[in-house]
PDB file of N, CA and C in Angstrom:
ATOM      1  N   MET A   1     120.687 -35.022 125.780  1.00  0.00           N
ATOM      2  CA  MET A   1     119.987 -35.336 124.549  1.00  0.00           C
ATOM      3  C   MET A   1     119.941 -34.139 123.603  1.00  0.00           C
ATOM      4  N   ASN A   2     120.186 -32.948 124.095  1.00  0.00           N
ATOM      5  CA  ASN A   2     120.115 -31.767 123.228  1.00  0.00           C
ATOM      6  C   ASN A   2     121.052 -31.842 122.020  1.00  0.00           C
ATOM      7  N   PRO A   3     122.319 -32.246 122.191  1.00  0.00           N
ATOM      8  CA  PRO A   3     123.186 -32.341 121.003  1.00  0.00           C
ATOM      9  C   PRO A   3     122.647 -33.321 119.956  1.00  0.00           C
ATOM     10  N   LEU A   4     122.041 -34.422 120.400  1.00  0.00           N
ATOM     11  CA  LEU A   4     121.461 -35.380 119.451  1.00  0.00           C
ATOM     12  C   LEU A   4     120.264 -34.774 118.735  1.00  0.00           C
ATOM     13  N   ARG A   5     119.408 -34.090 119.486  1.00  0.00           N
ATOM     14  CA  ARG A   5     118.244 -33.453 118.865  1.00  0.00           C
ATOM     15  C   ARG A   5     118.680 -32.432 117.816  1.00  0.00           C
ATOM     16  N   GLU A   6     119.666 -31.627 118.173  1.00  0.00           N
ATOM     17  CA  GLU A   6     120.148 -30.605 117.238  1.00  0.00           C
ATOM     18  C   GLU A   6     120.711 -31.234 115.965  1.00  0.00           C
ATOM     19  N   LYS A   7     121.498 -32.276 116.116  1.00  0.00           N
ATOM     20  CA  LYS A   7     122.089 -32.950 114.963  1.00  0.00           C
ATOM     21  C   LYS A   7     121.004 -33.609 114.106  1.00  0.00           C
ATOM     22  N   ALA A   8     120.055 -34.276 114.748  1.00  0.00           N
ATOM     23  CA  ALA A   8     118.984 -34.956 114.019  1.00  0.00           C
ATOM     24  C   ALA A   8     118.135 -33.967 113.233  1.00  0.00           C
ATOM     25  N   ASP A   9     117.937 -32.783 113.777  1.00  0.00           N
ATOM     26  CA  ASP A   9     117.068 -31.797 113.156  1.00  0.00           C
ATOM     27  C   ASP A   9     117.827 -30.779 112.301  1.00  0.00           C
ATOM     28  N   SER A  10     119.113 -31.006 112.081  1.00  0.00           N
ATOM     29  CA  SER A  10     119.944 -30.039 111.367  1.00  0.00           C
ATOM     30  C   SER A  10     119.767 -30.062 109.848  1.00  0.00           C
ATOM     31  N   GLY A  11     119.179 -31.112 109.316  1.00  0.00           N
ATOM     32  CA  GLY A  11     119.005 -31.204 107.875  1.00  0.00           C
ATOM     33  C   GLY A  11     120.258 -31.672 107.139  1.00  0.00           C
ATOM     34  N   GLN A  12     121.230 -32.228 107.843  1.00  0.00           N
ATOM     35  CA  GLN A  12     122.470 -32.673 107.207  1.00  0.00           C
ATOM     36  C   GLN A  12     122.346 -34.024 106.520  1.00  0.00           C
ATOM     37  N   ARG A  13     121.282 -34.714 106.732  1.00  0.00           N
ATOM     38  CA  ARG A  13     121.140 -36.051 106.144  1.00  0.00           C
ATOM     39  C   ARG A  13     120.852 -35.959 104.646  1.00  0.00           C
ATOM     40  N   ARG A  14     121.099 -37.080 103.963  1.00  0.00           N
ATOM     41  CA  ARG A  14     120.771 -37.189 102.538  1.00  0.00           C
ATOM     42  C   ARG A  14     119.520 -38.037 102.406  1.00  0.00           C
ATOM     43  N   PRO A  15     118.469 -37.494 101.806  1.00  0.00           N
ATOM     44  CA  PRO A  15     117.235 -38.267 101.641  1.00  0.00           C
ATOM     45  C   PRO A  15     117.499 -39.587 100.928  1.00  0.00           C
ATOM     46  N   GLY A  16     116.859 -40.647 101.421  1.00  0.00           N
ATOM     47  CA  GLY A  16     117.002 -41.960 100.798  1.00  0.00           C
ATOM     48  C   GLY A  16     118.212 -42.746 101.243  1.00  0.00           C
ATOM     49  N   HIS A  17     118.956 -42.249 102.217  1.00  0.00           N
ATOM     50  CA  HIS A  17     120.165 -42.913 102.695  1.00  0.00           C
ATOM     51  C   HIS A  17     120.136 -43.032 104.216  1.00  0.00           C
ATOM     52  N   PRO A  18     120.826 -44.039 104.777  1.00  0.00           N
ATOM     53  CA  PRO A  18     120.938 -44.126 106.235  1.00  0.00           C
ATOM     54  C   PRO A  18     121.613 -42.880 106.799  1.00  0.00           C
ATOM     55  N   TYR A  19     121.190 -42.492 107.985  1.00  0.00           N
ATOM     56  CA  TYR A  19     121.748 -41.318 108.660  1.00  0.00           C
ATOM     57  C   TYR A  19     122.215 -41.721 110.054  1.00  0.00           C
ATOM     58  N   GLN A  20     123.514 -41.851 110.201  1.00  0.00           N
ATOM     59  CA  GLN A  20     124.145 -42.237 111.469  1.00  0.00           C
ATOM     60  C   GLN A  20     124.701 -40.980 112.128  1.00  0.00           C
ATOM     61  N   ILE A  21     124.380 -40.772 113.383  1.00  0.00           N
ATOM     62  CA  ILE A  21     124.902 -39.632 114.130  1.00  0.00           C
ATOM     63  C   ILE A  21     126.024 -40.123 115.039  1.00  0.00           C
ATOM     64  N   ALA A  22     127.166 -39.457 114.974  1.00  0.00           N
ATOM     65  CA  ALA A  22     128.292 -39.740 115.872  1.00  0.00           C
ATOM     66  C   ALA A  22     128.401 -38.560 116.834  1.00  0.00           C
ATOM     67  N   LEU A  23     128.444 -38.860 118.122  1.00  0.00           N
ATOM     68  CA  LEU A  23     128.456 -37.808 119.137  1.00  0.00           C
ATOM     69  C   LEU A  23     129.603 -38.029 120.118  1.00  0.00           C
ATOM     70  N   ASP A  24     130.476 -37.048 120.213  1.00  0.00           N
ATOM     71  CA  ASP A  24     131.567 -37.066 121.188  1.00  0.00           C
ATOM     72  C   ASP A  24     130.979 -36.714 122.548  1.00  0.00           C
ATOM     73  N   THR A  25     131.019 -37.680 123.456  1.00  0.00           N
ATOM     74  CA  THR A  25     130.419 -37.486 124.775  1.00  0.00           C
ATOM     75  C   THR A  25     131.468 -37.251 125.854  1.00  0.00           C
ATOM     76  N   GLY A  26     132.659 -36.827 125.444  1.00  0.00           N
ATOM     77  CA  GLY A  26     133.761 -36.633 126.383  1.00  0.00           C
ATOM     78  C   GLY A  26     133.459 -35.651 127.500  1.00  0.00           C
ATOM     79  N   GLU A  27     132.599 -34.678 127.246  1.00  0.00           N
ATOM     80  CA  GLU A  27     132.255 -33.675 128.255  1.00  0.00           C
ATOM     81  C   GLU A  27     130.962 -34.003 128.995  1.00  0.00           C
ATOM     82  N   MET A  28     130.404 -35.187 128.763  1.00  0.00           N
ATOM     83  CA  MET A  28     129.121 -35.570 129.355  1.00  0.00           C
ATOM     84  C   MET A  28     129.313 -36.795 130.243  1.00  0.00           C
ATOM     85  N   LEU A  29     129.411 -36.596 131.518  1.00  0.00           N
ATOM     86  CA  LEU A  29     129.617 -37.713 132.442  1.00  0.00           C
ATOM     87  C   LEU A  29     128.472 -38.714 132.368  1.00  0.00           C
ATOM     88  N   GLY A  30     128.816 -39.983 132.264  1.00  0.00           N
ATOM     89  CA  GLY A  30     127.832 -41.062 132.245  1.00  0.00           C
ATOM     90  C   GLY A  30     126.952 -41.090 131.010  1.00  0.00           C
ATOM     91  N   ALA A  31     127.411 -40.489 129.922  1.00  0.00           N
ATOM     92  CA  ALA A  31     126.575 -40.353 128.730  1.00  0.00           C
ATOM     93  C   ALA A  31     126.170 -41.688 128.123  1.00  0.00           C
ATOM     94  N   HIS A  32     127.061 -42.667 128.106  1.00  0.00           N
ATOM     95  CA  HIS A  32     126.716 -43.950 127.480  1.00  0.00           C
ATOM     96  C   HIS A  32     125.492 -44.568 128.141  1.00  0.00           C
ATOM     97  N   GLU A  33     125.390 -44.463 129.433  1.00  0.00           N
ATOM     98  CA  GLU A  33     124.252 -45.028 130.151  1.00  0.00           C
ATOM     99  C   GLU A  33     123.058 -44.088 130.114  1.00  0.00           C
ATOM    100  N   ARG A  34     123.290 -42.811 130.355  1.00  0.00           N
ATOM    101  CA  ARG A  34     122.207 -41.828 130.447  1.00  0.00           C
ATOM    102  C   ARG A  34     121.491 -41.667 129.108  1.00  0.00           C
ATOM    103  N   ILE A  35     122.242 -41.470 128.051  1.00  0.00           N
ATOM    104  CA  ILE A  35     121.637 -41.277 126.735  1.00  0.00           C
ATOM    105  C   ILE A  35     120.965 -42.562 126.264  1.00  0.00           C
ATOM    106  N   ALA A  36     121.588 -43.703 126.502  1.00  0.00           N
ATOM    107  CA  ALA A  36     121.011 -44.987 126.074  1.00  0.00           C
ATOM    108  C   ALA A  36     119.613 -45.191 126.650  1.00  0.00           C
ATOM    109  N   ARG A  37     119.382 -44.750 127.877  1.00  0.00           N
ATOM    110  CA  ARG A  37     118.059 -44.891 128.501  1.00  0.00           C
ATOM    111  C   ARG A  37     116.997 -44.082 127.763  1.00  0.00           C
ATOM    112  N   GLU A  38     117.375 -43.002 127.121  1.00  0.00           N
ATOM    113  CA  GLU A  38     116.418 -42.123 126.460  1.00  0.00           C
ATOM    114  C   GLU A  38     116.283 -42.372 124.964  1.00  0.00           C
ATOM    115  N   LEU A  39     117.108 -43.238 124.414  1.00  0.00           N
ATOM    116  CA  LEU A  39     117.104 -43.430 122.960  1.00  0.00           C
ATOM    117  C   LEU A  39     115.825 -44.070 122.429  1.00  0.00           C
ATOM    118  N   ASP A  40     115.150 -44.926 123.189  1.00  0.00           N
ATOM    119  CA  ASP A  40     113.921 -45.549 122.683  1.00  0.00           C
ATOM    120  C   ASP A  40     112.888 -44.501 122.306  1.00  0.00           C
ATOM    121  N   SER A  41     112.646 -43.549 123.192  1.00  0.00           N
ATOM    122  CA  SER A  41     111.656 -42.512 122.876  1.00  0.00           C
ATOM    123  C   SER A  41     112.179 -41.572 121.789  1.00  0.00           C
ATOM    124  N   TYR A  42     113.478 -41.307 121.781  1.00  0.00           N
ATOM    125  CA  TYR A  42     114.104 -40.465 120.763  1.00  0.00           C
ATOM    126  C   TYR A  42     113.961 -41.103 119.379  1.00  0.00           C
ATOM    127  N   PHE A  43     114.286 -42.396 119.279  1.00  0.00           N
ATOM    128  CA  PHE A  43     114.225 -43.103 118.006  1.00  0.00           C
ATOM    129  C   PHE A  43     112.793 -43.191 117.468  1.00  0.00           C
ATOM    130  N   SER A  44     111.825 -43.356 118.348  1.00  0.00           N
ATOM    131  CA  SER A  44     110.446 -43.554 117.886  1.00  0.00           C
ATOM    132  C   SER A  44     109.890 -42.332 117.160  1.00  0.00           C
ATOM    133  N   ILE A  45     110.418 -41.142 117.429  1.00  0.00           N
ATOM    134  CA  ILE A  45     109.920 -39.942 116.748  1.00  0.00           C
ATOM    135  C   ILE A  45     110.901 -39.395 115.715  1.00  0.00           C
ATOM    136  N   ARG A  46     112.031 -40.062 115.528  1.00  0.00           N
ATOM    137  CA  ARG A  46     113.021 -39.629 114.535  1.00  0.00           C
ATOM    138  C   ARG A  46     113.422 -40.825 113.671  1.00  0.00           C
ATOM    139  N   ASP A  47     112.486 -41.239 112.830  1.00  0.00           N
ATOM    140  CA  ASP A  47     112.749 -42.420 112.010  1.00  0.00           C
ATOM    141  C   ASP A  47     113.719 -42.148 110.867  1.00  0.00           C
ATOM    142  N   HIS A  48     114.137 -40.908 110.678  1.00  0.00           N
ATOM    143  CA  HIS A  48     115.159 -40.601 109.677  1.00  0.00           C
ATOM    144  C   HIS A  48     116.571 -40.859 110.209  1.00  0.00           C
ATOM    145  N   VAL A  49     116.696 -41.058 111.534  1.00  0.00           N
ATOM    146  CA  VAL A  49     117.987 -41.367 112.150  1.00  0.00           C
ATOM    147  C   VAL A  49     118.144 -42.890 112.187  1.00  0.00           C
ATOM    148  N   SER A  50     119.150 -43.401 111.504  1.00  0.00           N
ATOM    149  CA  SER A  50     119.371 -44.848 111.430  1.00  0.00           C
ATOM    150  C   SER A  50     120.039 -45.404 112.673  1.00  0.00           C
ATOM    151  N   GLY A  51     120.869 -44.591 113.314  1.00  0.00           N
ATOM    152  CA  GLY A  51     121.563 -45.039 114.511  1.00  0.00           C
ATOM    153  C   GLY A  51     122.385 -43.915 115.108  1.00  0.00           C
ATOM    154  N   VAL A  52     122.895 -44.193 116.309  1.00  0.00           N
ATOM    155  CA  VAL A  52     123.713 -43.222 117.037  1.00  0.00           C
ATOM    156  C   VAL A  52     124.950 -43.935 117.550  1.00  0.00           C
ATOM    157  N   MET A  53     126.109 -43.318 117.334  1.00  0.00           N
ATOM    158  CA  MET A  53     127.353 -43.813 117.906  1.00  0.00           C
ATOM    159  C   MET A  53     127.830 -42.784 118.923  1.00  0.00           C
ATOM    160  N   LEU A  54     127.982 -43.216 120.152  1.00  0.00           N
ATOM    161  CA  LEU A  54     128.509 -42.373 121.229  1.00  0.00           C
ATOM    162  C   LEU A  54     129.964 -42.759 121.444  1.00  0.00           C
ATOM    163  N   PHE A  55     130.838 -41.772 121.610  1.00  0.00           N
ATOM    164  CA  PHE A  55     132.241 -42.093 121.858  1.00  0.00           C
ATOM    165  C   PHE A  55     132.859 -41.035 122.758  1.00  0.00           C
ATOM    166  N   ASP A  56     133.809 -41.467 123.541  1.00  0.00           N
ATOM    167  CA  ASP A  56     134.614 -40.532 124.333  1.00  0.00           C
ATOM    168  C   ASP A  56     136.033 -41.070 124.448  1.00  0.00           C
ATOM    169  N   SER A  57     136.961 -40.149 124.448  1.00  0.00           N
ATOM    170  CA  SER A  57     138.374 -40.545 124.472  1.00  0.00           C
ATOM    171  C   SER A  57     138.844 -40.786 125.896  1.00  0.00           C
ATOM    172  N   ARG A  58     139.778 -41.696 126.026  1.00  0.00           N
ATOM    173  CA  ARG A  58     140.438 -42.010 127.293  1.00  0.00           C
ATOM    174  C   ARG A  58     141.933 -41.915 127.059  1.00  0.00           C
ATOM    175  N   PHE A  59     142.393 -40.743 126.664  1.00  0.00           N
ATOM    176  CA  PHE A  59     143.793 -40.578 126.280  1.00  0.00           C
ATOM    177  C   PHE A  59     144.762 -40.748 127.439  1.00  0.00           C
ATOM    178  N   TRP A  60     144.272 -40.857 128.634  1.00  0.00           N
ATOM    179  CA  TRP A  60     145.131 -40.965 129.802  1.00  0.00           C
ATOM    180  C   TRP A  60     145.679 -42.369 130.033  1.00  0.00           C
ATOM    181  N   ILE A  61     145.449 -43.325 129.123  1.00  0.00           N
ATOM    182  CA  ILE A  61     145.852 -44.704 129.422  1.00  0.00           C
ATOM    183  C   ILE A  61     147.317 -44.989 129.153  1.00  0.00           C
ATOM    184  N   GLY A  62     148.040 -44.090 128.540  1.00  0.00           N
ATOM    185  CA  GLY A  62     149.465 -44.339 128.328  1.00  0.00           C
ATOM    186  C   GLY A  62     150.051 -43.504 127.220  1.00  0.00           C
ATOM    187  N   TYR A  63     151.363 -43.547 127.159  1.00  0.00           N
ATOM    188  CA  TYR A  63     152.109 -42.749 126.194  1.00  0.00           C
ATOM    189  C   TYR A  63     151.943 -43.261 124.767  1.00  0.00           C
ATOM    190  N   GLN A  64     151.992 -44.586 124.571  1.00  0.00           N
ATOM    191  CA  GLN A  64     151.926 -45.146 123.226  1.00  0.00           C
ATOM    192  C   GLN A  64     150.610 -45.866 122.939  1.00  0.00           C
ATOM    193  N   ARG A  65     149.623 -45.646 123.739  1.00  0.00           N
ATOM    194  CA  ARG A  65     148.340 -46.302 123.532  1.00  0.00           C
ATOM    195  C   ARG A  65     147.223 -45.289 123.748  1.00  0.00           C
ATOM    196  N   LYS A  66     146.293 -45.268 122.806  1.00  0.00           N
ATOM    197  CA  LYS A  66     145.141 -44.387 122.904  1.00  0.00           C
ATOM    198  C   LYS A  66     143.891 -45.239 122.943  1.00  0.00           C
ATOM    199  N   GLU A  67     142.894 -44.762 123.655  1.00  0.00           N
ATOM    200  CA  GLU A  67     141.675 -45.548 123.833  1.00  0.00           C
ATOM    201  C   GLU A  67     140.447 -44.660 123.709  1.00  0.00           C
ATOM    202  N   TRP A  68     139.403 -45.224 123.119  1.00  0.00           N
ATOM    203  CA  TRP A  68     138.089 -44.609 123.088  1.00  0.00           C
ATOM    204  C   TRP A  68     137.099 -45.628 123.634  1.00  0.00           C
ATOM    205  N   VAL A  69     136.053 -45.139 124.259  1.00  0.00           N
ATOM    206  CA  VAL A  69     134.932 -45.985 124.632  1.00  0.00           C
ATOM    207  C   VAL A  69     133.818 -45.632 123.646  1.00  0.00           C
ATOM    208  N   VAL A  70     133.270 -46.670 122.999  1.00  0.00           N
ATOM    209  CA  VAL A  70     132.306 -46.487 121.924  1.00  0.00           C
ATOM    210  C   VAL A  70     131.077 -47.353 122.192  1.00  0.00           C
ATOM    211  N   SER A  71     129.895 -46.796 121.963  1.00  0.00           N
ATOM    212  CA  SER A  71     128.675 -47.599 121.963  1.00  0.00           C
ATOM    213  C   SER A  71     127.861 -47.219 120.737  1.00  0.00           C
ATOM    214  N   VAL A  72     127.325 -48.231 120.059  1.00  0.00           N
ATOM    215  CA  VAL A  72     126.549 -48.026 118.843  1.00  0.00           C
ATOM    216  C   VAL A  72     125.126 -48.496 119.100  1.00  0.00           C
ATOM    217  N   HIS A  73     124.180 -47.626 118.779  1.00  0.00           N
ATOM    218  CA  HIS A  73     122.758 -47.882 119.024  1.00  0.00           C
ATOM    219  C   HIS A  73     122.010 -47.790 117.696  1.00  0.00           C
ATOM    220  N   ILE A  74     121.321 -48.862 117.321  1.00  0.00           N
ATOM    221  CA  ILE A  74     120.597 -48.935 116.055  1.00  0.00           C
ATOM    222  C   ILE A  74     119.133 -48.572 116.301  1.00  0.00           C
ATOM    223  N   ASN A  75     118.585 -47.732 115.434  1.00  0.00           N
ATOM    224  CA  ASN A  75     117.187 -47.323 115.553  1.00  0.00           C
ATOM    225  C   ASN A  75     116.287 -48.381 114.918  1.00  0.00           C
ATOM    226  N   PRO A  76     115.475 -49.081 115.718  1.00  0.00           N
ATOM    227  CA  PRO A  76     114.589 -50.106 115.151  1.00  0.00           C
ATOM    228  C   PRO A  76     113.452 -49.504 114.326  1.00  0.00           C
ATOM    229  N   HIS A  77     113.220 -48.198 114.438  1.00  0.00           N
ATOM    230  CA  HIS A  77     112.151 -47.512 113.715  1.00  0.00           C
ATOM    231  C   HIS A  77     112.646 -46.820 112.447  1.00  0.00           C
ATOM    232  N   ALA A  78     113.923 -46.967 112.111  1.00  0.00           N
ATOM    233  CA  ALA A  78     114.530 -46.215 111.009  1.00  0.00           C
ATOM    234  C   ALA A  78     113.910 -46.566 109.652  1.00  0.00           C
ATOM    235  N   ARG A  79     113.693 -45.538 108.833  1.00  0.00           N
ATOM    236  CA  ARG A  79     113.245 -45.746 107.463  1.00  0.00           C
ATOM    237  C   ARG A  79     114.327 -46.422 106.633  1.00  0.00           C
ATOM    238  N   PHE A  80     115.582 -46.050 106.885  1.00  0.00           N
ATOM    239  CA  PHE A  80     116.721 -46.620 106.152  1.00  0.00           C
ATOM    240  C   PHE A  80     117.701 -47.181 107.156  1.00  0.00           C
ATOM    241  N   SER A  81     117.869 -48.484 107.146  1.00  0.00           N
ATOM    242  CA  SER A  81     118.750 -49.155 108.099  1.00  0.00           C
ATOM    243  C   SER A  81     120.201 -49.054 107.662  1.00  0.00           C
ATOM    244  N   ILE A  82     121.078 -49.084 108.635  1.00  0.00           N
ATOM    245  CA  ILE A  82     122.502 -49.173 108.365  1.00  0.00           C
ATOM    246  C   ILE A  82     122.758 -50.593 107.874  1.00  0.00           C
ATOM    247  N   PRO A  83     123.523 -50.774 106.800  1.00  0.00           N
ATOM    248  CA  PRO A  83     123.786 -52.135 106.301  1.00  0.00           C
ATOM    249  C   PRO A  83     124.329 -53.038 107.411  1.00  0.00           C
ATOM    250  N   ALA A  84     123.814 -54.248 107.466  1.00  0.00           N
ATOM    251  CA  ALA A  84     124.167 -55.194 108.530  1.00  0.00           C
ATOM    252  C   ALA A  84     125.661 -55.458 108.615  1.00  0.00           C
ATOM    253  N   ASP A  85     126.365 -55.448 107.484  1.00  0.00           N
ATOM    254  CA  ASP A  85     127.802 -55.724 107.532  1.00  0.00           C
ATOM    255  C   ASP A  85     128.588 -54.567 108.151  1.00  0.00           C
ATOM    256  N   LEU A  86     127.962 -53.432 108.368  1.00  0.00           N
ATOM    257  CA  LEU A  86     128.632 -52.306 109.012  1.00  0.00           C
ATOM    258  C   LEU A  86     128.290 -52.165 110.495  1.00  0.00           C
ATOM    259  N   THR A  87     127.271 -52.849 110.954  1.00  0.00           N
ATOM    260  CA  THR A  87     126.837 -52.665 112.339  1.00  0.00           C
ATOM    261  C   THR A  87     127.625 -53.507 113.336  1.00  0.00           C
ATOM    262  N   GLY A  88     128.214 -54.608 112.900  1.00  0.00           N
ATOM    263  CA  GLY A  88     129.031 -55.427 113.795  1.00  0.00           C
ATOM    264  C   GLY A  88     128.286 -55.804 115.060  1.00  0.00           C
ATOM    265  N   ARG A  89     128.904 -55.486 116.192  1.00  0.00           N
ATOM    266  CA  ARG A  89     128.299 -55.798 117.492  1.00  0.00           C
ATOM    267  C   ARG A  89     127.583 -54.566 118.041  1.00  0.00           C
ATOM    268  N   ALA A  90     126.722 -53.995 117.271  1.00  0.00           N
ATOM    269  CA  ALA A  90     126.007 -52.779 117.659  1.00  0.00           C
ATOM    270  C   ALA A  90     124.853 -53.118 118.583  1.00  0.00           C
ATOM    271  N   ASP A  91     125.194 -53.402 119.826  1.00  0.00           N
ATOM    272  CA  ASP A  91     124.182 -53.784 120.803  1.00  0.00           C
ATOM    273  C   ASP A  91     123.979 -52.719 121.875  1.00  0.00           C
ATOM    274  N   GLY A  92     124.566 -51.545 121.692  1.00  0.00           N
ATOM    275  CA  GLY A  92     124.392 -50.456 122.652  1.00  0.00           C
ATOM    276  C   GLY A  92     125.301 -50.524 123.858  1.00  0.00           C
ATOM    277  N   GLN A  93     126.112 -51.560 123.950  1.00  0.00           N
ATOM    278  CA  GLN A  93     127.016 -51.692 125.092  1.00  0.00           C
ATOM    279  C   GLN A  93     128.315 -50.923 124.847  1.00  0.00           C
ATOM    280  N   PRO A  94     128.785 -50.193 125.841  1.00  0.00           N
ATOM    281  CA  PRO A  94     130.075 -49.497 125.682  1.00  0.00           C
ATOM    282  C   PRO A  94     131.212 -50.501 125.539  1.00  0.00           C
ATOM    283  N   ARG A  95     132.073 -50.250 124.558  1.00  0.00           N
ATOM    284  CA  ARG A  95     133.228 -51.109 124.319  1.00  0.00           C
ATOM    285  C   ARG A  95     134.481 -50.263 124.196  1.00  0.00           C
ATOM    286  N   SER A  96     135.572 -50.823 124.641  1.00  0.00           N
ATOM    287  CA  SER A  96     136.856 -50.140 124.555  1.00  0.00           C
ATOM    288  C   SER A  96     137.477 -50.425 123.195  1.00  0.00           C
ATOM    289  N   VAL A  97     137.957 -49.372 122.552  1.00  0.00           N
ATOM    290  CA  VAL A  97     138.694 -49.482 121.293  1.00  0.00           C
ATOM    291  C   VAL A  97     140.058 -48.872 121.530  1.00  0.00           C
ATOM    292  N   GLN A  98     141.113 -49.684 121.370  1.00  0.00           N
ATOM    293  CA  GLN A  98     142.469 -49.203 121.648  1.00  0.00           C
ATOM    294  C   GLN A  98     143.338 -49.250 120.395  1.00  0.00           C
ATOM    295  N   PHE A  99     144.214 -48.275 120.307  1.00  0.00           N
ATOM    296  CA  PHE A  99     145.182 -48.198 119.223  1.00  0.00           C
ATOM    297  C   PHE A  99     146.566 -48.033 119.823  1.00  0.00           C
ATOM    298  N   VAL A 100     147.505 -48.806 119.327  1.00  0.00           N
ATOM    299  CA  VAL A 100     148.890 -48.667 119.747  1.00  0.00           C
ATOM    300  C   VAL A 100     149.589 -47.799 118.706  1.00  0.00           C
ATOM    301  N   LEU A 101     150.238 -46.765 119.177  1.00  0.00           N
ATOM    302  CA  LEU A 101     150.953 -45.843 118.283  1.00  0.00           C
ATOM    303  C   LEU A 101     152.355 -46.351 118.068  1.00  0.00           C
ATOM    304  N   SER A 102     152.800 -46.322 116.831  1.00  0.00           N
ATOM    305  CA  SER A 102     154.170 -46.737 116.565  1.00  0.00           C
ATOM    306  C   SER A 102     155.106 -45.566 116.827  1.00  0.00           C
ATOM    307  N   SER A 103     156.337 -45.869 117.202  1.00  0.00           N
ATOM    308  CA  SER A 103     157.277 -44.791 117.519  1.00  0.00           C
ATOM    309  C   SER A 103     158.226 -44.512 116.385  1.00  0.00           C
TER     310      SER A 103
END
């Protein structure tokens, strides 16, 4: 949770606008599950954070295909919500996102 706390408290947000934090969790084993368990208490005291996107790369899946695992968590306490048309299936569940590279 330290990287999220640091980012949330960094002052990088723009007042009056949604503030989404994206965190590369590639070096944090089990981060999608571990961090998700702590987000309720985190969100309740950081209402300036609109949501958190956790992602980690899975580049080992092949030569012409790249994959990331992504989970998006929306803060129900946020002062400024992320527009609904941008949240998609933001239910906090890890999902695979794959891209095929052209040769």
